[in-house]
Amino acid sequence: MPPATASAVTRISPHCSGRTAGRRGASDRRLKRRHMGQNVGMQEAFGVVIVAVVVLAAIAAVVSLATSHRALDDLGKGGLSLRDGADLPPAGERLPTGMSASGAREAEIRQMLEARNARRARRGEAAVDVEAELRALSRPAVDPALLGEIRDLVEARNARRVRQGKPPLDVEEEVRRRLEDLG
């Protein structure tokens, strides 16, 4: 066997020597900075691109605002909307009030009471007088304090009428009329 001699270095290791074998490394390119020259055009166009994007976004916002305003006007209108029913008045008209509304209300209450009586008859129970129940349900519940205030108001009005030389009003009749006006 030959004596042990130092072996010759046959290859360069980039890890040990700090030099690169083959392609130039990032450290060489960083020192020369030749690759940076190609981005100058892009840097100059950056401001133009930003302005163009902002202008296009503003135009899109204005267009979407205009279309959403129309969409909000149509919101709630459609096949399932309550406002599209044939029995309801158009949006500009008011709902019926006063005697027409109370008449419809009484008709609906009467219908419900008759349906309740029909159920009671099917169960074998005694029927209830519909008209008496309707009167009891239609009679307004009056707060005693409110009744006292109305009575005081009518009495003060009567005192004023007497001072003016006019005949006094019937207090009970006037209180009843005022309560009916309140509903």
Protein backbone atom coordinates (compact mmCIF):
# COMPACT_ATOMS: atom_id res chain seq x y z
CA MET A 1 0.00 0.00 0.00
CA PRO A 2 1.19 3.40 -0.77
CA PRO A 3 1.93 5.72 2.09
CA ALA A 4 -0.85 8.06 3.27
CA THR A 5 -0.57 11.28 1.47
CA ALA A 6 -2.73 14.30 1.37
CA SER A 7 -5.42 13.96 -1.21
CA ALA A 8 -5.76 16.55 -3.91
CA VAL A 9 -8.76 18.87 -3.99
CA THR A 10 -10.73 17.94 -7.06
CA ARG A 11 -13.87 20.05 -6.65
CA ILE A 12 -14.95 23.39 -5.19
CA SER A 13 -17.60 23.36 -2.53
CA PRO A 14 -19.69 26.55 -2.40
CA HIS A 15 -20.42 25.92 1.26
CA CYS A 16 -16.86 25.96 2.45
CA SER A 17 -15.05 28.39 0.22
CA GLY A 18 -17.66 31.16 -0.01
CA ARG A 19 -17.29 31.15 -3.80
CA THR A 20 -19.87 29.90 -6.21
CA ALA A 21 -19.34 27.18 -8.70
CA GLY A 22 -21.27 27.63 -11.89
CA ARG A 23 -24.01 30.32 -11.90
CA ARG A 24 -23.46 33.68 -10.33
CA GLY A 25 -24.97 33.84 -6.89
CA ALA A 26 -27.22 36.50 -5.39
CA SER A 27 -24.31 38.18 -3.68
CA ASP A 28 -22.55 38.74 -7.03
CA ARG A 29 -25.71 40.10 -8.63
CA ARG A 30 -26.36 42.37 -5.67
CA LEU A 31 -22.91 43.89 -6.05
CA LYS A 32 -23.34 44.65 -9.73
CA ARG A 33 -27.04 45.70 -9.70
CA ARG A 34 -27.37 45.35 -13.42
CA HIS A 35 -30.67 43.52 -13.05
CA MET A 36 -32.31 46.58 -11.36
CA GLY A 37 -32.30 48.74 -14.48
CA GLN A 38 -35.32 47.03 -16.04
CA ASN A 39 -37.80 48.22 -13.33
CA VAL A 40 -37.47 51.95 -13.99
CA GLY A 41 -40.39 51.99 -16.45
CA MET A 42 -42.62 50.20 -13.99
CA GLN A 43 -41.81 52.68 -11.23
CA GLU A 44 -42.72 55.58 -13.48
CA ALA A 45 -46.05 53.95 -14.44
CA PHE A 46 -47.02 53.26 -10.81
CA GLY A 47 -48.52 56.73 -10.25
CA VAL A 48 -50.54 56.51 -13.47
CA VAL A 49 -51.89 53.10 -12.47
CA ILE A 50 -52.94 54.36 -9.02
CA VAL A 51 -54.76 57.38 -10.49
CA ALA A 52 -56.49 55.20 -13.09
CA VAL A 53 -57.69 52.71 -10.45
CA VAL A 54 -59.04 55.50 -8.21
CA VAL A 55 -60.91 57.13 -11.12
CA LEU A 56 -62.42 53.82 -12.21
CA ALA A 57 -63.47 53.02 -8.62
CA ALA A 58 -65.16 56.43 -8.30
CA ILE A 59 -67.08 55.86 -11.54
CA ALA A 60 -68.12 52.39 -10.39
CA ALA A 61 -69.28 53.82 -7.05
CA VAL A 62 -71.45 56.45 -8.75
CA VAL A 63 -72.99 53.86 -11.08
CA SER A 64 -73.70 51.44 -8.23
CA LEU A 65 -75.22 54.23 -6.14
CA ALA A 66 -77.60 55.12 -8.97
CA THR A 67 -78.64 51.51 -9.53
CA SER A 68 -78.97 50.74 -5.82
CA HIS A 69 -81.28 53.76 -5.39
CA ARG A 70 -83.61 52.27 -7.99
CA ALA A 71 -83.27 48.87 -6.34
CA LEU A 72 -84.17 50.32 -2.93
CA ASP A 73 -87.32 51.88 -4.42
CA ASP A 74 -88.38 48.44 -5.64
CA LEU A 75 -87.57 46.76 -2.34
CA GLY A 76 -90.65 45.09 -0.86
CA LYS A 77 -92.53 44.99 -4.14
CA GLY A 78 -93.15 41.65 -5.67
CA GLY A 79 -95.42 38.64 -5.79
CA LEU A 80 -95.29 37.99 -2.06
CA SER A 81 -95.60 41.60 -0.98
CA LEU A 82 -98.61 42.62 1.10
CA ARG A 83 -98.83 45.93 -0.76
CA ASP A 84 -99.52 44.13 -4.04
CA GLY A 85 -102.75 42.58 -2.77
CA ALA A 86 -105.99 43.51 -4.52
CA ASP A 87 -107.78 44.28 -1.25
CA LEU A 88 -105.28 46.94 -0.12
CA PRO A 89 -105.36 50.52 -1.36
CA PRO A 90 -102.37 51.95 -3.27
CA ALA A 91 -99.53 53.41 -1.25
CA GLY A 92 -100.71 57.01 -1.70
CA GLU A 93 -104.18 56.37 -0.30
CA ARG A 94 -104.95 56.09 3.38
CA LEU A 95 -106.41 53.01 5.00
CA PRO A 96 -110.09 53.27 5.92
CA THR A 97 -110.79 54.76 9.32
CA GLY A 98 -113.83 55.70 11.30
CA MET A 99 -117.12 53.92 10.64
CA SER A 100 -115.92 51.89 7.63
CA ALA A 101 -112.98 50.43 9.57
CA SER A 102 -115.07 49.76 12.67
CA GLY A 103 -117.75 48.08 10.54
CA ALA A 104 -115.18 45.78 8.99
CA ARG A 105 -113.72 45.12 12.43
CA GLU A 106 -117.12 44.20 13.85
CA ALA A 107 -117.80 41.90 10.88
CA GLU A 108 -114.49 40.07 11.50
CA ILE A 109 -115.17 39.78 15.24
CA ARG A 110 -118.66 38.45 14.53
CA GLN A 111 -117.19 35.89 12.11
CA MET A 112 -114.67 34.70 14.73
CA LEU A 113 -117.38 34.43 17.40
CA GLU A 114 -119.58 32.39 15.06
CA ALA A 115 -116.64 30.08 14.29
CA ARG A 116 -116.05 29.66 18.02
CA ASN A 117 -119.72 28.80 18.50
CA ALA A 118 -119.48 26.22 15.71
CA ARG A 119 -116.49 24.58 17.45
CA ARG A 120 -118.36 24.60 20.75
CA ALA A 121 -121.38 22.94 19.08
CA ARG A 122 -119.15 20.21 17.57
CA ARG A 123 -117.76 19.48 21.05
CA GLY A 124 -121.27 19.30 22.45
CA GLU A 125 -121.02 22.50 24.54
CA ALA A 126 -123.69 25.18 24.75
CA ALA A 127 -123.49 28.02 22.23
CA VAL A 128 -122.84 31.57 23.43
CA ASP A 129 -124.90 34.60 22.31
CA VAL A 130 -122.81 36.16 19.53
CA GLU A 131 -124.40 39.63 19.78
CA ALA A 132 -123.87 39.86 23.55
CA GLU A 133 -120.23 38.78 23.17
CA LEU A 134 -119.77 41.32 20.35
CA ARG A 135 -121.15 44.13 22.51
CA ALA A 136 -118.91 43.11 25.40
CA LEU A 137 -115.83 42.98 23.17
CA SER A 138 -116.66 46.24 21.37
CA ARG A 139 -117.21 48.20 24.56
CA PRO A 140 -114.08 50.24 25.21
CA ALA A 141 -112.31 49.76 28.50
CA VAL A 142 -112.15 53.20 30.10
CA ASP A 143 -109.48 54.11 32.57
CA PRO A 144 -111.12 55.68 35.67
CA ALA A 145 -108.53 58.48 35.72
CA LEU A 146 -109.29 59.30 32.07
CA LEU A 147 -113.01 59.26 32.79
CA GLY A 148 -112.45 61.69 35.68
CA GLU A 149 -110.41 64.04 33.49
CA ILE A 150 -113.07 64.04 30.77
CA ARG A 151 -115.78 64.72 33.35
CA ASP A 152 -113.75 67.65 34.77
CA LEU A 153 -113.27 69.02 31.26
CA VAL A 154 -117.01 68.82 30.49
CA GLU A 155 -117.92 70.48 33.80
CA ALA A 156 -115.42 73.31 33.15
CA ARG A 157 -116.88 73.77 29.66
CA ASN A 158 -120.39 73.87 31.15
CA ALA A 159 -119.30 76.55 33.64
CA ARG A 160 -117.91 78.60 30.75
CA ARG A 161 -121.14 78.16 28.78
CA VAL A 162 -123.22 79.33 31.76
CA ARG A 163 -121.01 82.45 32.12
CA GLN A 164 -121.56 83.18 28.43
CA GLY A 165 -125.35 82.87 28.87
CA LYS A 166 -125.62 79.59 26.93
CA PRO A 167 -127.54 76.57 28.26
CA PRO A 168 -125.39 73.91 29.98
CA LEU A 169 -124.80 70.55 28.30
CA ASP A 170 -125.85 67.19 29.75
CA VAL A 171 -122.64 66.07 31.49
CA GLU A 172 -123.20 62.30 31.15
CA GLU A 173 -124.15 62.56 27.47
CA GLU A 174 -121.15 64.78 26.72
CA VAL A 175 -118.75 62.40 28.57
CA ARG A 176 -120.14 59.44 26.58
CA ARG A 177 -119.75 61.38 23.31
CA ARG A 178 -116.14 62.30 24.15
CA LEU A 179 -115.33 58.67 24.98
CA GLU A 180 -116.76 57.58 21.63
CA ASP A 181 -114.65 60.20 19.88
CA LEU A 182 -111.54 58.76 21.53
CA GLY A 183 -112.47 55.35 20.17
